[in-house]
Amino acid sequence: MLQFIHQQLVHETKTTRRVLAAVPDDNSGYRPDPKSMTALELVQHIAFSDLFFIGGAVAGKLEAPTDRSFLEAFSTPSKVVAEYETRSA
């Protein structure tokens, strides 16, 4: 069972990485509607939510960061993708 779950996670993280990498850095400010997230905000949300839930499953508890200033270091989709690749490897 664990091997099956591991294979699924490997497959899903590869797919997520491809989706995140499809957002060009020069278009990261795109917002289809004033109420929508920008492309960068959405990339950050998808990547770090994924890592949050995987980390919580491994740790046996979910602890959301109260300080979201760490997102400032990931100012482009390509920086988010690089961090996602590092943390999901």
C-alpha atoms as a PDB file:
ATOM      1  CA  MET A   1       0.000   0.000   0.000  1.00  0.00           C
ATOM      2  CA  LEU A   2       2.797   2.433   0.879  1.00  0.00           C
ATOM      3  CA  GLN A   3       4.483   1.780  -2.449  1.00  0.00           C
ATOM      4  CA  PHE A   4       1.227   2.570  -4.261  1.00  0.00           C
ATOM      5  CA  ILE A   5       0.823   5.846  -2.343  1.00  0.00           C
ATOM      6  CA  HIS A   6       4.460   6.742  -3.003  1.00  0.00           C
ATOM      7  CA  GLN A   7       4.038   6.088  -6.740  1.00  0.00           C
ATOM      8  CA  GLN A   8       0.922   8.258  -6.782  1.00  0.00           C
ATOM      9  CA  LEU A   9       2.718  11.117  -4.997  1.00  0.00           C
ATOM     10  CA  VAL A  10       5.662  10.915  -7.375  1.00  0.00           C
ATOM     11  CA  HIS A  11       3.299  11.028 -10.353  1.00  0.00           C
ATOM     12  CA  GLU A  12       1.220  13.881  -8.906  1.00  0.00           C
ATOM     13  CA  THR A  13       4.238  16.024  -7.988  1.00  0.00           C
ATOM     14  CA  LYS A  14       5.627  15.635 -11.514  1.00  0.00           C
ATOM     15  CA  THR A  15       2.270  16.726 -12.935  1.00  0.00           C
ATOM     16  CA  THR A  16       2.004  19.645 -10.527  1.00  0.00           C
ATOM     17  CA  ARG A  17       5.537  20.732 -11.381  1.00  0.00           C
ATOM     18  CA  ARG A  18       4.698  20.795 -15.100  1.00  0.00           C
ATOM     19  CA  VAL A  19       1.562  22.870 -14.458  1.00  0.00           C
ATOM     20  CA  LEU A  20       3.466  25.350 -12.278  1.00  0.00           C
ATOM     21  CA  ALA A  21       6.309  25.606 -14.779  1.00  0.00           C
ATOM     22  CA  ALA A  22       3.844  26.477 -17.548  1.00  0.00           C
ATOM     23  CA  VAL A  23       3.267  29.922 -15.993  1.00  0.00           C
ATOM     24  CA  PRO A  24       5.773  32.325 -17.570  1.00  0.00           C
ATOM     25  CA  ASP A  25       7.639  34.691 -15.240  1.00  0.00           C
ATOM     26  CA  ASP A  26       6.820  37.686 -17.421  1.00  0.00           C
ATOM     27  CA  ASN A  27       3.078  37.008 -17.117  1.00  0.00           C
ATOM     28  CA  SER A  28       2.942  36.310 -13.371  1.00  0.00           C
ATOM     29  CA  GLY A  29       0.865  39.415 -12.688  1.00  0.00           C
ATOM     30  CA  TYR A  30      -1.992  38.234 -14.897  1.00  0.00           C
ATOM     31  CA  ARG A  31      -5.330  38.345 -13.075  1.00  0.00           C
ATOM     32  CA  PRO A  32      -8.393  37.277 -15.111  1.00  0.00           C
ATOM     33  CA  ASP A  33     -10.760  39.112 -12.772  1.00  0.00           C
ATOM     34  CA  PRO A  34     -10.224  41.717 -10.038  1.00  0.00           C
ATOM     35  CA  LYS A  35     -11.417  39.137  -7.468  1.00  0.00           C
ATOM     36  CA  SER A  36      -9.004  36.458  -8.710  1.00  0.00           C
ATOM     37  CA  MET A  37      -5.490  35.656  -7.548  1.00  0.00           C
ATOM     38  CA  THR A  38      -2.668  36.686  -9.833  1.00  0.00           C
ATOM     39  CA  ALA A  39      -0.917  33.894 -11.713  1.00  0.00           C
ATOM     40  CA  LEU A  40       1.990  34.124  -9.232  1.00  0.00           C
ATOM     41  CA  GLU A  41      -0.335  33.972  -6.221  1.00  0.00           C
ATOM     42  CA  LEU A  42      -2.030  30.916  -7.675  1.00  0.00           C
ATOM     43  CA  VAL A  43       1.311  29.203  -8.372  1.00  0.00           C
ATOM     44  CA  GLN A  44       2.412  29.924  -4.795  1.00  0.00           C
ATOM     45  CA  HIS A  45      -0.898  28.673  -3.419  1.00  0.00           C
ATOM     46  CA  ILE A  46      -0.831  25.405  -5.373  1.00  0.00           C
ATOM     47  CA  ALA A  47       2.826  24.633  -4.652  1.00  0.00           C
ATOM     48  CA  PHE A  48       2.870  25.450  -0.969  1.00  0.00           C
ATOM     49  CA  SER A  49      -0.547  23.907  -0.265  1.00  0.00           C
ATOM     50  CA  ASP A  50       0.684  20.691  -1.824  1.00  0.00           C
ATOM     51  CA  LEU A  51       3.859  20.748   0.273  1.00  0.00           C
ATOM     52  CA  PHE A  52       1.894  21.701   3.398  1.00  0.00           C
ATOM     53  CA  PHE A  53      -0.424  18.690   3.122  1.00  0.00           C
ATOM     54  CA  ILE A  54       2.350  16.241   2.227  1.00  0.00           C
ATOM     55  CA  GLY A  55       4.449  17.536   5.132  1.00  0.00           C
ATOM     56  CA  GLY A  56       1.469  17.312   7.468  1.00  0.00           C
ATOM     57  CA  ALA A  57       0.805  13.716   6.471  1.00  0.00           C
ATOM     58  CA  VAL A  58       4.427  12.792   7.110  1.00  0.00           C
ATOM     59  CA  ALA A  59       4.557  14.674  10.450  1.00  0.00           C
ATOM     60  CA  GLY A  60       1.147  13.469  11.564  1.00  0.00           C
ATOM     61  CA  LYS A  61      -0.115  17.007  12.155  1.00  0.00           C
ATOM     62  CA  LEU A  62      -0.929  20.103  10.145  1.00  0.00           C
ATOM     63  CA  GLU A  63       0.616  23.352  11.311  1.00  0.00           C
ATOM     64  CA  ALA A  64      -0.012  26.313   9.055  1.00  0.00           C
ATOM     65  CA  PRO A  65       2.673  29.011   9.117  1.00  0.00           C
ATOM     66  CA  THR A  66       1.395  32.153  10.793  1.00  0.00           C
ATOM     67  CA  ASP A  67       4.013  34.293   9.069  1.00  0.00           C
ATOM     68  CA  ARG A  68       3.546  34.276   5.297  1.00  0.00           C
ATOM     69  CA  SER A  69       6.477  36.602   4.614  1.00  0.00           C
ATOM     70  CA  PHE A  70       8.485  33.620   3.341  1.00  0.00           C
ATOM     71  CA  LEU A  71       6.462  33.937   0.111  1.00  0.00           C
ATOM     72  CA  GLU A  72       8.322  37.174  -0.695  1.00  0.00           C
ATOM     73  CA  ALA A  73      11.423  35.114  -1.539  1.00  0.00           C
ATOM     74  CA  PHE A  74       9.438  33.371  -4.265  1.00  0.00           C
ATOM     75  CA  SER A  75       8.724  36.369  -6.462  1.00  0.00           C
ATOM     76  CA  THR A  76       8.468  34.516  -9.778  1.00  0.00           C
ATOM     77  CA  PRO A  77       6.856  31.258 -10.854  1.00  0.00           C
ATOM     78  CA  SER A  78      10.291  29.821 -11.732  1.00  0.00           C
ATOM     79  CA  LYS A  79      11.521  30.444  -8.165  1.00  0.00           C
ATOM     80  CA  VAL A  80       8.421  28.702  -6.815  1.00  0.00           C
ATOM     81  CA  VAL A  81       9.010  25.749  -9.162  1.00  0.00           C
ATOM     82  CA  ALA A  82      12.647  25.465  -8.034  1.00  0.00           C
ATOM     83  CA  GLU A  83      11.579  25.399  -4.371  1.00  0.00           C
ATOM     84  CA  TYR A  84       8.799  22.909  -5.133  1.00  0.00           C
ATOM     85  CA  GLU A  85      11.290  20.614  -6.855  1.00  0.00           C
ATOM     86  CA  THR A  86      13.672  20.845  -3.899  1.00  0.00           C
ATOM     87  CA  ARG A  87      11.048  20.184  -1.247  1.00  0.00           C
ATOM     88  CA  SER A  88       9.160  17.453  -3.110  1.00  0.00           C
ATOM     89  CA  ALA A  89      12.222  15.444  -4.124  1.00  0.00           C
END
